[in-house]
């Protein structure tokens, strides 16, 4: 897939393309800026950047072609989407690639800036997600794992263009079913997903509340 470019009188030339490993720090910074409340809830604080960078490095390495970014003319990452076609590859990469052991070592050294609290929260959160992940009607290997746009760039179609990149990739991979989760209160995101053909399929929960599960079937 090539680059998608578009012009805008206010933001100048924008570019949507596959991410590279060099884009991971920019993705991590945008993640921190976009979801501070959820991050504080999970970690009890805003963690050191090393924790975020290590996490997104693992996600990227699990399926490099599944990461897309939108950039300004200055090459700053102003949007991203992570769209693995096989979510199971992420867990394999975490273990077989040695990431989980590296995380444990860096956490013990204090590099990440948080204690045991996040581990408890993450374990509890995974219980509900694992239950829904293995429910046949809503189980899907292909996922929209995370999508974010810089607050200053929202409302300009960046998220839709990133999602279109992800959809094109899923078609290339012949993924039959795409799954994502969104907070029911996040009406702007829900509107984008519905326009792209995603339909509500159920709910799951974590320690912060309810997630709406949305699915999209692809024809090949």
N, C-alpha and C. Protein backbone atom coordinates (compact mmCIF):
# COMPACT_ATOMS: atom_id res chain seq x y z
N UNK A 1 0.83 -1.19 0.00
CA UNK A 1 0.00 0.00 0.00
C UNK A 1 0.87 1.24 0.00
N UNK A 2 0.57 2.23 -0.81
CA UNK A 2 1.34 3.45 -0.88
C UNK A 2 0.84 4.48 0.11
N UNK A 3 1.41 5.67 -0.01
CA UNK A 3 1.01 6.74 0.88
C UNK A 3 -0.29 7.36 0.40
N UNK A 4 -1.06 7.85 1.36
CA UNK A 4 -2.25 8.62 1.04
C UNK A 4 -1.97 10.04 1.50
N UNK A 5 -2.12 11.01 0.61
CA UNK A 5 -1.85 12.38 0.97
C UNK A 5 -3.10 13.21 0.73
N UNK A 6 -3.25 14.25 1.54
CA UNK A 6 -4.38 15.14 1.34
C UNK A 6 -4.00 16.53 1.80
N UNK A 7 -4.62 17.50 1.21
CA UNK A 7 -4.30 18.88 1.56
C UNK A 7 -5.40 19.47 2.43
N UNK A 8 -5.04 20.44 3.24
CA UNK A 8 -6.00 21.13 4.08
C UNK A 8 -5.49 22.56 4.26
N UNK A 9 -6.35 23.53 4.08
CA UNK A 9 -5.91 24.92 4.11
C UNK A 9 -5.29 25.28 5.46
N UNK A 10 -5.79 24.65 6.55
CA UNK A 10 -5.31 25.03 7.87
C UNK A 10 -4.09 24.22 8.28
N UNK A 11 -4.04 22.94 7.94
CA UNK A 11 -2.98 22.09 8.47
C UNK A 11 -1.90 21.79 7.44
N UNK A 12 -2.07 22.22 6.19
CA UNK A 12 -1.06 21.96 5.18
C UNK A 12 -1.13 20.53 4.68
N UNK A 13 -0.05 20.07 4.07
CA UNK A 13 -0.03 18.73 3.48
C UNK A 13 0.10 17.68 4.57
N UNK A 14 -0.79 16.70 4.53
CA UNK A 14 -0.78 15.61 5.50
C UNK A 14 -0.46 14.32 4.77
N UNK A 15 0.02 13.35 5.52
CA UNK A 15 0.44 12.10 4.93
C UNK A 15 0.03 10.94 5.83
N UNK A 16 -0.54 9.91 5.24
CA UNK A 16 -0.89 8.70 5.97
C UNK A 16 -0.08 7.57 5.35
N UNK A 17 0.74 6.91 6.15
CA UNK A 17 1.60 5.87 5.61
C UNK A 17 1.87 4.82 6.67
N UNK A 18 2.50 3.72 6.26
CA UNK A 18 2.88 2.70 7.23
C UNK A 18 3.92 3.26 8.19
N UNK A 19 3.78 2.92 9.44
CA UNK A 19 4.74 3.37 10.44
C UNK A 19 6.05 2.61 10.29
N UNK A 20 7.11 3.23 10.73
CA UNK A 20 8.41 2.57 10.84
C UNK A 20 8.77 2.49 12.32
N UNK A 21 9.82 1.76 12.63
CA UNK A 21 10.25 1.65 14.02
C UNK A 21 10.60 3.02 14.59
N UNK A 22 11.08 3.91 13.74
CA UNK A 22 11.42 5.27 14.19
C UNK A 22 10.20 6.07 14.61
N UNK A 23 8.99 5.64 14.19
CA UNK A 23 7.76 6.34 14.55
C UNK A 23 7.23 5.92 15.91
N UNK A 24 7.76 4.84 16.49
CA UNK A 24 7.23 4.31 17.75
C UNK A 24 7.23 5.35 18.87
N UNK A 25 8.32 6.12 19.07
CA UNK A 25 8.26 7.15 20.12
C UNK A 25 7.14 8.16 19.91
N UNK A 26 6.92 8.56 18.66
CA UNK A 26 5.84 9.49 18.37
C UNK A 26 4.47 8.89 18.67
N UNK A 27 4.30 7.61 18.36
CA UNK A 27 3.05 6.92 18.69
C UNK A 27 2.87 6.87 20.20
N UNK A 28 3.94 6.57 20.92
CA UNK A 28 3.87 6.50 22.37
C UNK A 28 3.50 7.84 23.00
N UNK A 29 4.09 8.92 22.51
CA UNK A 29 3.77 10.25 23.04
C UNK A 29 2.32 10.62 22.77
N UNK A 30 1.82 10.27 21.58
CA UNK A 30 0.43 10.57 21.25
C UNK A 30 -0.52 9.74 22.11
N UNK A 31 -0.15 8.49 22.39
CA UNK A 31 -0.94 7.64 23.27
C UNK A 31 -1.06 8.28 24.65
N UNK A 32 0.05 8.76 25.21
CA UNK A 32 0.04 9.39 26.52
C UNK A 32 -0.83 10.65 26.52
N UNK A 33 -0.76 11.42 25.45
CA UNK A 33 -1.53 12.66 25.36
C UNK A 33 -3.02 12.41 25.17
N UNK A 34 -3.36 11.27 24.57
CA UNK A 34 -4.76 11.00 24.21
C UNK A 34 -5.55 10.29 25.30
N UNK A 35 -4.87 9.49 26.12
CA UNK A 35 -5.59 8.66 27.09
C UNK A 35 -5.04 8.81 28.52
N UNK A 36 -4.83 10.04 29.00
CA UNK A 36 -4.22 10.19 30.33
C UNK A 36 -5.05 9.61 31.47
N UNK A 37 -6.38 9.74 31.40
CA UNK A 37 -7.22 9.23 32.49
C UNK A 37 -7.14 7.71 32.57
N UNK A 38 -7.22 7.04 31.43
CA UNK A 38 -7.14 5.58 31.43
C UNK A 38 -5.76 5.11 31.89
N UNK A 39 -4.72 5.83 31.49
CA UNK A 39 -3.37 5.45 31.88
C UNK A 39 -3.19 5.61 33.38
N UNK A 40 -3.66 6.72 33.93
CA UNK A 40 -3.56 6.91 35.38
C UNK A 40 -4.36 5.86 36.13
N UNK A 41 -5.53 5.51 35.60
CA UNK A 41 -6.35 4.49 36.24
C UNK A 41 -5.61 3.15 36.28
N UNK A 42 -4.99 2.80 35.16
CA UNK A 42 -4.30 1.50 35.07
C UNK A 42 -3.01 1.48 35.87
N UNK A 43 -2.24 2.53 35.80
CA UNK A 43 -0.90 2.54 36.41
C UNK A 43 -0.85 3.23 37.76
N UNK A 44 -1.91 3.95 38.11
CA UNK A 44 -1.90 4.70 39.34
C UNK A 44 -1.15 6.01 39.21
N UNK A 45 -0.52 6.23 38.05
CA UNK A 45 0.25 7.43 37.76
C UNK A 45 0.55 7.44 36.26
N UNK A 46 1.11 8.51 35.77
CA UNK A 46 1.62 8.51 34.40
C UNK A 46 3.00 7.86 34.44
N UNK A 47 3.19 6.73 33.78
CA UNK A 47 4.47 6.01 33.88
C UNK A 47 5.59 6.74 33.16
N UNK A 48 6.79 6.32 33.44
CA UNK A 48 7.94 6.83 32.68
C UNK A 48 7.78 6.45 31.21
N UNK A 49 8.29 7.29 30.34
CA UNK A 49 8.10 7.06 28.91
C UNK A 49 8.69 5.73 28.46
N UNK A 50 9.69 5.24 29.15
CA UNK A 50 10.31 3.96 28.80
C UNK A 50 9.29 2.84 28.77
N UNK A 51 8.32 2.85 29.68
CA UNK A 51 7.30 1.80 29.73
C UNK A 51 6.43 1.83 28.49
N UNK A 52 6.02 3.02 28.08
CA UNK A 52 5.17 3.17 26.90
C UNK A 52 5.93 2.80 25.64
N UNK A 53 7.16 3.25 25.54
CA UNK A 53 7.96 2.96 24.35
C UNK A 53 8.22 1.46 24.21
N UNK A 54 8.51 0.79 25.33
CA UNK A 54 8.74 -0.66 25.27
C UNK A 54 7.49 -1.41 24.85
N UNK A 55 6.33 -0.98 25.35
CA UNK A 55 5.07 -1.63 24.99
C UNK A 55 4.79 -1.49 23.50
N UNK A 56 4.90 -0.29 22.97
CA UNK A 56 4.58 -0.07 21.56
C UNK A 56 5.64 -0.65 20.63
N UNK A 57 6.85 -0.79 21.11
CA UNK A 57 7.86 -1.47 20.31
C UNK A 57 7.47 -2.93 20.11
N UNK A 58 6.98 -3.57 21.16
CA UNK A 58 6.53 -4.96 21.06
C UNK A 58 5.35 -5.08 20.10
N UNK A 59 4.38 -4.18 20.24
CA UNK A 59 3.21 -4.21 19.36
C UNK A 59 3.62 -4.03 17.91
N UNK A 60 4.53 -3.09 17.67
CA UNK A 60 5.00 -2.84 16.30
C UNK A 60 5.72 -4.07 15.74
N UNK A 61 6.63 -4.64 16.51
CA UNK A 61 7.43 -5.76 16.01
C UNK A 61 6.58 -7.02 15.77
N UNK A 62 5.45 -7.14 16.46
CA UNK A 62 4.59 -8.30 16.27
C UNK A 62 4.00 -8.34 14.87
N UNK A 63 3.72 -7.16 14.27
CA UNK A 63 3.16 -7.09 12.92
C UNK A 63 3.41 -5.70 12.36
N UNK A 64 4.63 -5.44 11.90
CA UNK A 64 5.01 -4.09 11.46
C UNK A 64 4.11 -3.48 10.40
N UNK A 65 3.58 -4.29 9.50
CA UNK A 65 2.76 -3.75 8.41
C UNK A 65 1.37 -3.32 8.88
N UNK A 66 1.05 -3.59 10.15
CA UNK A 66 -0.28 -3.28 10.67
C UNK A 66 -0.34 -1.92 11.37
N UNK A 67 0.75 -1.18 11.37
CA UNK A 67 0.79 0.12 12.03
C UNK A 67 0.83 1.24 11.01
N UNK A 68 -0.05 2.22 11.17
CA UNK A 68 -0.12 3.36 10.26
C UNK A 68 -0.08 4.66 11.05
N UNK A 69 0.53 5.68 10.46
CA UNK A 69 0.61 6.98 11.10
C UNK A 69 0.21 8.08 10.13
N UNK A 70 -0.29 9.16 10.70
CA UNK A 70 -0.53 10.40 9.96
C UNK A 70 0.48 11.41 10.46
N UNK A 71 1.10 12.14 9.54
CA UNK A 71 2.14 13.10 9.91
C UNK A 71 1.88 14.46 9.29
N UNK A 72 2.33 15.48 10.01
CA UNK A 72 2.34 16.83 9.46
C UNK A 72 3.54 16.98 8.53
N UNK A 73 3.62 18.13 7.90
CA UNK A 73 4.77 18.40 7.03
C UNK A 73 6.07 18.39 7.82
N UNK A 74 5.98 18.62 9.14
CA UNK A 74 7.16 18.60 10.01
C UNK A 74 7.57 17.18 10.39
N UNK A 75 6.84 16.18 9.90
CA UNK A 75 7.07 14.76 10.20
C UNK A 75 6.67 14.37 11.61
N UNK A 76 5.96 15.25 12.31
CA UNK A 76 5.45 14.90 13.63
C UNK A 76 4.24 13.98 13.49
N UNK A 77 4.19 12.91 14.29
CA UNK A 77 3.06 11.99 14.28
C UNK A 77 1.86 12.68 14.94
N UNK A 78 0.77 12.84 14.17
CA UNK A 78 -0.43 13.48 14.71
C UNK A 78 -1.60 12.51 14.74
N UNK A 79 -1.37 11.27 14.33
CA UNK A 79 -2.41 10.25 14.39
C UNK A 79 -1.81 8.90 14.12
N UNK A 80 -2.42 7.88 14.68
CA UNK A 80 -1.95 6.52 14.42
C UNK A 80 -3.11 5.54 14.55
N UNK A 81 -2.95 4.39 13.92
CA UNK A 81 -3.84 3.26 14.14
C UNK A 81 -3.00 2.01 14.15
N UNK A 82 -3.27 1.13 15.10
CA UNK A 82 -2.63 -0.18 15.20
C UNK A 82 -3.68 -1.22 14.88
N UNK A 83 -3.46 -1.96 13.79
CA UNK A 83 -4.51 -2.84 13.25
C UNK A 83 -3.98 -4.24 12.95
N UNK A 84 -3.60 -5.01 13.97
CA UNK A 84 -3.07 -6.35 13.71
C UNK A 84 -4.11 -7.28 13.10
N UNK A 85 -3.70 -8.03 12.09
CA UNK A 85 -4.62 -8.98 11.47
C UNK A 85 -4.69 -10.29 12.26
N UNK A 86 -3.70 -10.50 13.13
CA UNK A 86 -3.69 -11.68 14.00
C UNK A 86 -3.23 -11.25 15.39
N UNK A 87 -4.20 -10.98 16.27
CA UNK A 87 -3.88 -10.49 17.60
C UNK A 87 -3.05 -11.49 18.39
N UNK A 88 -3.17 -12.78 18.06
CA UNK A 88 -2.41 -13.81 18.76
C UNK A 88 -0.91 -13.63 18.55
N UNK A 89 -0.50 -13.02 17.42
CA UNK A 89 0.91 -12.79 17.17
C UNK A 89 1.53 -11.84 18.19
N UNK A 90 0.69 -10.97 18.75
CA UNK A 90 1.20 -10.02 19.74
C UNK A 90 1.65 -10.76 21.00
N UNK A 91 0.83 -11.70 21.46
CA UNK A 91 1.18 -12.45 22.67
C UNK A 91 2.40 -13.34 22.39
N UNK A 92 2.47 -13.90 21.20
CA UNK A 92 3.63 -14.73 20.85
C UNK A 92 4.90 -13.89 20.84
N UNK A 93 4.80 -12.69 20.28
CA UNK A 93 5.97 -11.82 20.22
C UNK A 93 6.41 -11.40 21.61
N UNK A 94 5.44 -11.13 22.48
CA UNK A 94 5.78 -10.70 23.84
C UNK A 94 6.60 -11.75 24.57
N UNK A 95 6.26 -13.03 24.34
CA UNK A 95 6.96 -14.12 25.03
C UNK A 95 8.19 -14.56 24.24
N UNK A 96 8.00 -14.97 22.99
CA UNK A 96 9.10 -15.52 22.21
C UNK A 96 10.14 -14.47 21.84
N UNK A 97 9.72 -13.22 21.75
CA UNK A 97 10.65 -12.15 21.44
C UNK A 97 11.38 -11.62 22.66
N UNK A 98 11.06 -12.16 23.83
CA UNK A 98 11.75 -11.78 25.05
C UNK A 98 11.27 -10.50 25.69
N UNK A 99 10.22 -9.89 25.13
CA UNK A 99 9.74 -8.61 25.67
C UNK A 99 9.25 -8.74 27.11
N UNK A 100 8.51 -9.79 27.40
CA UNK A 100 7.92 -9.91 28.72
C UNK A 100 8.99 -10.02 29.81
N UNK A 101 10.10 -10.65 29.49
CA UNK A 101 11.20 -10.77 30.45
C UNK A 101 11.94 -9.44 30.58
N UNK A 102 12.06 -8.73 29.46
CA UNK A 102 12.68 -7.40 29.49
C UNK A 102 11.83 -6.44 30.30
N UNK A 103 10.50 -6.52 30.12
CA UNK A 103 9.61 -5.67 30.90
C UNK A 103 9.76 -5.95 32.39
N UNK A 104 9.80 -7.23 32.74
CA UNK A 104 9.91 -7.59 34.16
C UNK A 104 11.21 -7.06 34.75
N UNK A 105 12.31 -7.19 34.01
CA UNK A 105 13.60 -6.72 34.50
C UNK A 105 13.62 -5.20 34.67
N UNK A 106 13.11 -4.48 33.69
CA UNK A 106 13.11 -3.03 33.76
C UNK A 106 12.15 -2.54 34.85
N UNK A 107 11.05 -3.26 35.04
CA UNK A 107 10.12 -2.89 36.11
C UNK A 107 10.78 -3.07 37.47
N UNK A 108 11.48 -4.19 37.66
CA UNK A 108 12.18 -4.43 38.92
C UNK A 108 13.24 -3.38 39.19
N UNK A 109 13.89 -2.89 38.14
CA UNK A 109 14.91 -1.87 38.30
C UNK A 109 14.32 -0.49 38.59
N UNK A 110 13.01 -0.35 38.40
CA UNK A 110 12.36 0.93 38.63
C UNK A 110 12.35 1.84 37.42
N UNK A 111 12.67 1.28 36.24
CA UNK A 111 12.72 2.10 35.03
C UNK A 111 11.35 2.63 34.61
N UNK A 112 10.29 1.92 35.01
CA UNK A 112 8.96 2.27 34.52
C UNK A 112 8.20 3.23 35.44
N UNK A 113 8.64 3.38 36.66
CA UNK A 113 8.05 4.38 37.54
C UNK A 113 6.72 4.01 38.16
N UNK A 114 6.40 2.72 38.23
CA UNK A 114 5.19 2.29 38.94
C UNK A 114 5.45 0.97 39.65
N UNK A 115 4.59 0.66 40.62
CA UNK A 115 4.76 -0.55 41.42
C UNK A 115 3.85 -1.68 40.99
N UNK A 116 3.30 -2.41 41.98
CA UNK A 116 2.49 -3.59 41.70
C UNK A 116 1.06 -3.25 41.27
N UNK A 117 0.59 -2.06 41.59
CA UNK A 117 -0.81 -1.71 41.32
C UNK A 117 -1.24 -1.97 39.89
N UNK A 118 -0.48 -1.55 38.88
CA UNK A 118 -0.93 -1.77 37.49
C UNK A 118 -1.08 -3.24 37.13
N UNK A 119 -0.24 -4.09 37.71
CA UNK A 119 -0.32 -5.52 37.40
C UNK A 119 -1.66 -6.07 37.87
N UNK A 120 -2.09 -5.69 39.05
CA UNK A 120 -3.39 -6.12 39.57
C UNK A 120 -4.52 -5.64 38.67
N UNK A 121 -4.48 -4.37 38.27
CA UNK A 121 -5.54 -3.81 37.43
C UNK A 121 -5.57 -4.51 36.07
N UNK A 122 -4.41 -4.71 35.47
CA UNK A 122 -4.36 -5.33 34.14
C UNK A 122 -4.86 -6.76 34.16
N UNK A 123 -4.53 -7.51 35.22
CA UNK A 123 -5.01 -8.89 35.33
C UNK A 123 -6.53 -8.91 35.43
N UNK A 124 -7.09 -8.05 36.27
CA UNK A 124 -8.53 -7.99 36.43
C UNK A 124 -9.21 -7.58 35.12
N UNK A 125 -8.62 -6.62 34.41
CA UNK A 125 -9.20 -6.17 33.15
C UNK A 125 -9.20 -7.26 32.09
N UNK A 126 -8.16 -8.07 32.05
CA UNK A 126 -8.04 -9.10 31.02
C UNK A 126 -9.08 -10.21 31.19
N UNK A 127 -9.57 -10.40 32.40
CA UNK A 127 -10.55 -11.47 32.63
C UNK A 127 -11.79 -11.27 31.76
N UNK A 128 -12.35 -10.05 31.78
CA UNK A 128 -13.53 -9.78 30.97
C UNK A 128 -13.24 -9.82 29.49
N UNK A 129 -12.10 -9.29 29.08
CA UNK A 129 -11.75 -9.28 27.65
C UNK A 129 -11.48 -10.69 27.13
N UNK A 130 -10.86 -11.53 27.93
CA UNK A 130 -10.61 -12.90 27.49
C UNK A 130 -11.90 -13.68 27.31
N UNK A 131 -12.88 -13.42 28.19
CA UNK A 131 -14.17 -14.10 28.05
C UNK A 131 -14.82 -13.73 26.73
N UNK A 132 -14.83 -12.45 26.40
CA UNK A 132 -15.45 -12.03 25.13
C UNK A 132 -14.62 -12.45 23.94
N UNK A 133 -13.29 -12.54 24.12
CA UNK A 133 -12.42 -12.91 23.00
C UNK A 133 -12.67 -14.33 22.51
N UNK A 134 -13.15 -15.20 23.41
CA UNK A 134 -13.37 -16.59 23.03
C UNK A 134 -14.85 -16.93 22.83
N UNK A 135 -15.70 -15.90 22.80
CA UNK A 135 -17.10 -16.10 22.47
C UNK A 135 -17.22 -16.13 20.95
N UNK A 136 -17.69 -17.22 20.40
CA UNK A 136 -17.61 -17.46 18.96
C UNK A 136 -18.18 -16.32 18.13
N UNK A 137 -19.33 -15.79 18.53
CA UNK A 137 -20.01 -14.79 17.70
C UNK A 137 -19.24 -13.47 17.60
N UNK A 138 -18.39 -13.18 18.59
CA UNK A 138 -17.69 -11.90 18.60
C UNK A 138 -16.18 -12.08 18.66
N UNK A 139 -15.71 -13.29 18.38
CA UNK A 139 -14.28 -13.55 18.37
C UNK A 139 -13.70 -13.19 17.00
N UNK A 140 -12.57 -12.51 17.01
CA UNK A 140 -11.93 -12.11 15.75
C UNK A 140 -10.45 -11.92 15.99
N UNK A 141 -9.64 -12.46 15.09
CA UNK A 141 -8.19 -12.28 15.19
C UNK A 141 -7.79 -10.87 14.76
N UNK A 142 -8.47 -10.33 13.75
CA UNK A 142 -8.15 -8.99 13.25
C UNK A 142 -8.78 -7.93 14.16
N UNK A 143 -7.96 -6.97 14.58
CA UNK A 143 -8.43 -5.97 15.53
C UNK A 143 -7.99 -4.56 15.17
N UNK A 144 -8.82 -3.61 15.52
CA UNK A 144 -8.38 -2.23 15.66
C UNK A 144 -7.96 -2.13 17.11
N UNK A 145 -6.67 -2.22 17.34
CA UNK A 145 -6.16 -2.31 18.70
C UNK A 145 -6.14 -0.94 19.38
N UNK A 146 -5.72 0.07 18.64
CA UNK A 146 -5.67 1.42 19.21
C UNK A 146 -5.65 2.42 18.07
N UNK A 147 -6.37 3.50 18.26
CA UNK A 147 -6.36 4.60 17.29
C UNK A 147 -6.44 5.91 18.05
N UNK A 148 -5.64 6.87 17.64
CA UNK A 148 -5.64 8.17 18.33
C UNK A 148 -5.24 9.26 17.36
N UNK A 149 -5.76 10.45 17.61
CA UNK A 149 -5.45 11.64 16.81
C UNK A 149 -5.13 12.78 17.78
N UNK A 150 -4.11 13.55 17.46
CA UNK A 150 -3.75 14.69 18.29
C UNK A 150 -4.97 15.59 18.48
N UNK A 151 -5.23 16.03 19.72
CA UNK A 151 -6.42 16.88 19.97
C UNK A 151 -6.54 18.06 19.03
N UNK A 152 -5.43 18.66 18.64
CA UNK A 152 -5.48 19.83 17.77
C UNK A 152 -5.87 19.48 16.34
N UNK A 153 -5.87 18.17 15.99
CA UNK A 153 -6.15 17.75 14.63
C UNK A 153 -7.50 17.04 14.49
N UNK A 154 -8.22 16.92 15.59
CA UNK A 154 -9.48 16.18 15.53
C UNK A 154 -10.54 16.95 14.76
N UNK A 155 -11.48 16.21 14.17
CA UNK A 155 -12.54 16.82 13.39
C UNK A 155 -12.14 17.17 11.98
N UNK A 156 -10.97 16.71 11.54
CA UNK A 156 -10.49 17.04 10.20
C UNK A 156 -10.35 15.79 9.32
N UNK A 157 -10.93 14.67 9.75
CA UNK A 157 -10.93 13.47 8.93
C UNK A 157 -9.70 12.60 9.07
N UNK A 158 -8.80 12.91 10.01
CA UNK A 158 -7.58 12.13 10.16
C UNK A 158 -7.89 10.70 10.60
N UNK A 159 -8.77 10.55 11.58
CA UNK A 159 -9.10 9.21 12.08
C UNK A 159 -9.73 8.36 10.98
N UNK A 160 -10.60 8.95 10.18
CA UNK A 160 -11.25 8.20 9.09
C UNK A 160 -10.22 7.73 8.08
N UNK A 161 -9.28 8.58 7.74
CA UNK A 161 -8.26 8.19 6.77
C UNK A 161 -7.36 7.10 7.31
N UNK A 162 -7.02 7.17 8.58
CA UNK A 162 -6.22 6.11 9.19
C UNK A 162 -6.99 4.80 9.20
N UNK A 163 -8.27 4.87 9.54
CA UNK A 163 -9.09 3.66 9.55
C UNK A 163 -9.21 3.07 8.16
N UNK A 164 -9.29 3.90 7.14
CA UNK A 164 -9.34 3.39 5.77
C UNK A 164 -8.05 2.66 5.41
N UNK A 165 -6.91 3.16 5.89
CA UNK A 165 -5.64 2.46 5.69
C UNK A 165 -5.71 1.07 6.33
N UNK A 166 -6.24 1.02 7.54
CA UNK A 166 -6.36 -0.25 8.25
C UNK A 166 -7.29 -1.21 7.51
N UNK A 167 -8.41 -0.69 7.00
CA UNK A 167 -9.36 -1.54 6.29
C UNK A 167 -8.73 -2.12 5.02
N UNK A 168 -7.95 -1.30 4.32
CA UNK A 168 -7.28 -1.77 3.12
C UNK A 168 -6.30 -2.89 3.47
N UNK A 169 -5.62 -2.73 4.58
CA UNK A 169 -4.67 -3.76 5.02
C UNK A 169 -5.40 -5.06 5.36
N UNK A 170 -6.53 -4.96 6.04
CA UNK A 170 -7.29 -6.16 6.38
C UNK A 170 -7.77 -6.89 5.13
N UNK A 171 -8.15 -6.13 4.11
CA UNK A 171 -8.55 -6.74 2.85
C UNK A 171 -7.37 -7.49 2.23
N UNK A 172 -6.19 -6.87 2.25
CA UNK A 172 -4.99 -7.53 1.73
C UNK A 172 -4.71 -8.84 2.46
N UNK A 173 -4.96 -8.83 3.77
CA UNK A 173 -4.69 -10.01 4.60
C UNK A 173 -5.82 -11.03 4.57
N UNK A 174 -6.90 -10.68 3.85
CA UNK A 174 -8.08 -11.55 3.75
C UNK A 174 -8.68 -11.88 5.11
N UNK A 175 -8.69 -10.89 5.98
CA UNK A 175 -9.31 -11.06 7.30
C UNK A 175 -10.83 -11.10 7.13
N UNK A 176 -11.50 -12.12 7.66
CA UNK A 176 -12.95 -12.22 7.46
C UNK A 176 -13.78 -11.32 8.38
N UNK A 177 -13.24 -11.02 9.57
CA UNK A 177 -14.02 -10.29 10.57
C UNK A 177 -13.08 -9.37 11.36
N UNK A 178 -13.50 -8.12 11.52
CA UNK A 178 -12.71 -7.13 12.24
C UNK A 178 -13.44 -6.76 13.53
N UNK A 179 -12.69 -6.65 14.61
CA UNK A 179 -13.29 -6.29 15.90
C UNK A 179 -12.59 -5.08 16.49
N UNK A 180 -13.37 -4.26 17.18
CA UNK A 180 -12.82 -3.16 17.97
C UNK A 180 -13.70 -2.96 19.20
N UNK A 181 -13.16 -2.26 20.18
CA UNK A 181 -13.93 -1.90 21.36
C UNK A 181 -13.88 -0.38 21.52
N UNK A 182 -15.01 0.20 21.93
CA UNK A 182 -15.09 1.64 22.12
C UNK A 182 -16.00 1.91 23.32
N UNK A 183 -15.69 2.95 24.07
CA UNK A 183 -16.57 3.33 25.17
C UNK A 183 -17.91 3.80 24.59
N UNK A 184 -19.04 3.36 25.15
CA UNK A 184 -20.35 3.77 24.62
C UNK A 184 -20.53 5.29 24.62
N UNK A 185 -19.84 5.98 25.52
CA UNK A 185 -19.97 7.44 25.60
C UNK A 185 -19.14 8.18 24.56
N UNK A 186 -18.27 7.47 23.85
CA UNK A 186 -17.40 8.11 22.86
C UNK A 186 -18.15 8.22 21.54
N UNK A 187 -19.07 9.14 21.48
CA UNK A 187 -19.96 9.26 20.32
C UNK A 187 -19.23 9.62 19.03
N UNK A 188 -18.23 10.52 19.03
CA UNK A 188 -17.53 10.81 17.77
C UNK A 188 -16.86 9.58 17.17
N UNK A 189 -16.22 8.75 18.02
CA UNK A 189 -15.57 7.55 17.52
C UNK A 189 -16.60 6.56 17.00
N UNK A 190 -17.69 6.38 17.74
CA UNK A 190 -18.74 5.46 17.31
C UNK A 190 -19.29 5.87 15.94
N UNK A 191 -19.45 7.17 15.73
CA UNK A 191 -19.99 7.66 14.46
C UNK A 191 -19.06 7.30 13.31
N UNK A 192 -17.74 7.43 13.53
CA UNK A 192 -16.77 7.07 12.50
C UNK A 192 -16.85 5.58 12.19
N UNK A 193 -16.88 4.77 13.24
CA UNK A 193 -16.90 3.32 13.04
C UNK A 193 -18.18 2.87 12.33
N UNK A 194 -19.30 3.47 12.69
CA UNK A 194 -20.57 3.11 12.04
C UNK A 194 -20.54 3.48 10.56
N UNK A 195 -19.95 4.63 10.23
CA UNK A 195 -19.86 5.03 8.82
C UNK A 195 -18.98 4.06 8.02
N UNK A 196 -18.02 3.44 8.71
CA UNK A 196 -17.14 2.49 8.05
C UNK A 196 -17.73 1.07 8.01
N UNK A 197 -18.93 0.91 8.54
CA UNK A 197 -19.61 -0.38 8.44
C UNK A 197 -19.53 -1.25 9.67
N UNK A 198 -18.99 -0.75 10.77
CA UNK A 198 -18.96 -1.53 12.01
C UNK A 198 -20.33 -1.51 12.68
N UNK A 199 -20.68 -2.64 13.27
CA UNK A 199 -21.99 -2.76 13.93
C UNK A 199 -21.81 -3.25 15.36
N UNK A 200 -22.66 -2.74 16.25
CA UNK A 200 -22.62 -3.16 17.65
C UNK A 200 -22.89 -4.65 17.74
N UNK A 201 -22.09 -5.34 18.56
CA UNK A 201 -22.23 -6.80 18.65
C UNK A 201 -22.25 -7.31 20.09
N UNK A 202 -22.12 -6.45 21.06
CA UNK A 202 -22.12 -6.91 22.45
C UNK A 202 -21.31 -5.96 23.32
N UNK A 203 -21.11 -6.39 24.56
CA UNK A 203 -20.39 -5.56 25.52
C UNK A 203 -19.39 -6.39 26.30
N UNK A 204 -18.36 -5.73 26.77
CA UNK A 204 -17.43 -6.32 27.73
C UNK A 204 -17.11 -5.23 28.74
N UNK A 205 -16.44 -5.59 29.83
CA UNK A 205 -16.18 -4.63 30.89
C UNK A 205 -14.73 -4.73 31.36
N UNK A 206 -14.24 -3.61 31.88
CA UNK A 206 -12.99 -3.63 32.62
C UNK A 206 -13.20 -2.80 33.88
N UNK A 207 -12.13 -2.50 34.59
CA UNK A 207 -12.26 -1.82 35.87
C UNK A 207 -12.73 -0.38 35.75
N UNK A 208 -12.72 0.18 34.54
CA UNK A 208 -13.21 1.53 34.32
C UNK A 208 -14.66 1.58 33.86
N UNK A 209 -15.20 0.44 33.45
CA UNK A 209 -16.58 0.44 33.00
C UNK A 209 -16.80 -0.42 31.76
N UNK A 210 -17.81 -0.04 31.00
CA UNK A 210 -18.28 -0.85 29.87
C UNK A 210 -17.60 -0.44 28.56
N UNK A 211 -17.32 -1.45 27.74
CA UNK A 211 -16.87 -1.26 26.36
C UNK A 211 -17.92 -1.82 25.41
N UNK A 212 -18.20 -1.11 24.36
CA UNK A 212 -19.05 -1.63 23.29
C UNK A 212 -18.18 -2.36 22.29
N UNK A 213 -18.53 -3.61 21.99
CA UNK A 213 -17.82 -4.38 20.98
C UNK A 213 -18.49 -4.14 19.63
N UNK A 214 -17.70 -3.79 18.63
CA UNK A 214 -18.22 -3.55 17.28
C UNK A 214 -17.48 -4.46 16.30
N UNK A 215 -18.21 -4.97 15.31
CA UNK A 215 -17.66 -5.90 14.33
C UNK A 215 -17.95 -5.41 12.92
N UNK A 216 -17.07 -5.82 12.02
CA UNK A 216 -17.28 -5.55 10.59
C UNK A 216 -16.85 -6.78 9.82
N UNK A 217 -17.75 -7.30 8.99
CA UNK A 217 -17.41 -8.43 8.13
C UNK A 217 -16.87 -7.92 6.81
N UNK A 218 -15.83 -8.60 6.32
CA UNK A 218 -15.25 -8.23 5.04
C UNK A 218 -15.53 -9.30 4.02
N UNK A 219 -15.85 -8.88 2.82
CA UNK A 219 -16.07 -9.83 1.72
C UNK A 219 -14.82 -9.84 0.84
N UNK A 220 -14.41 -11.01 0.41
CA UNK A 220 -13.21 -11.16 -0.41
C UNK A 220 -13.57 -11.88 -1.71
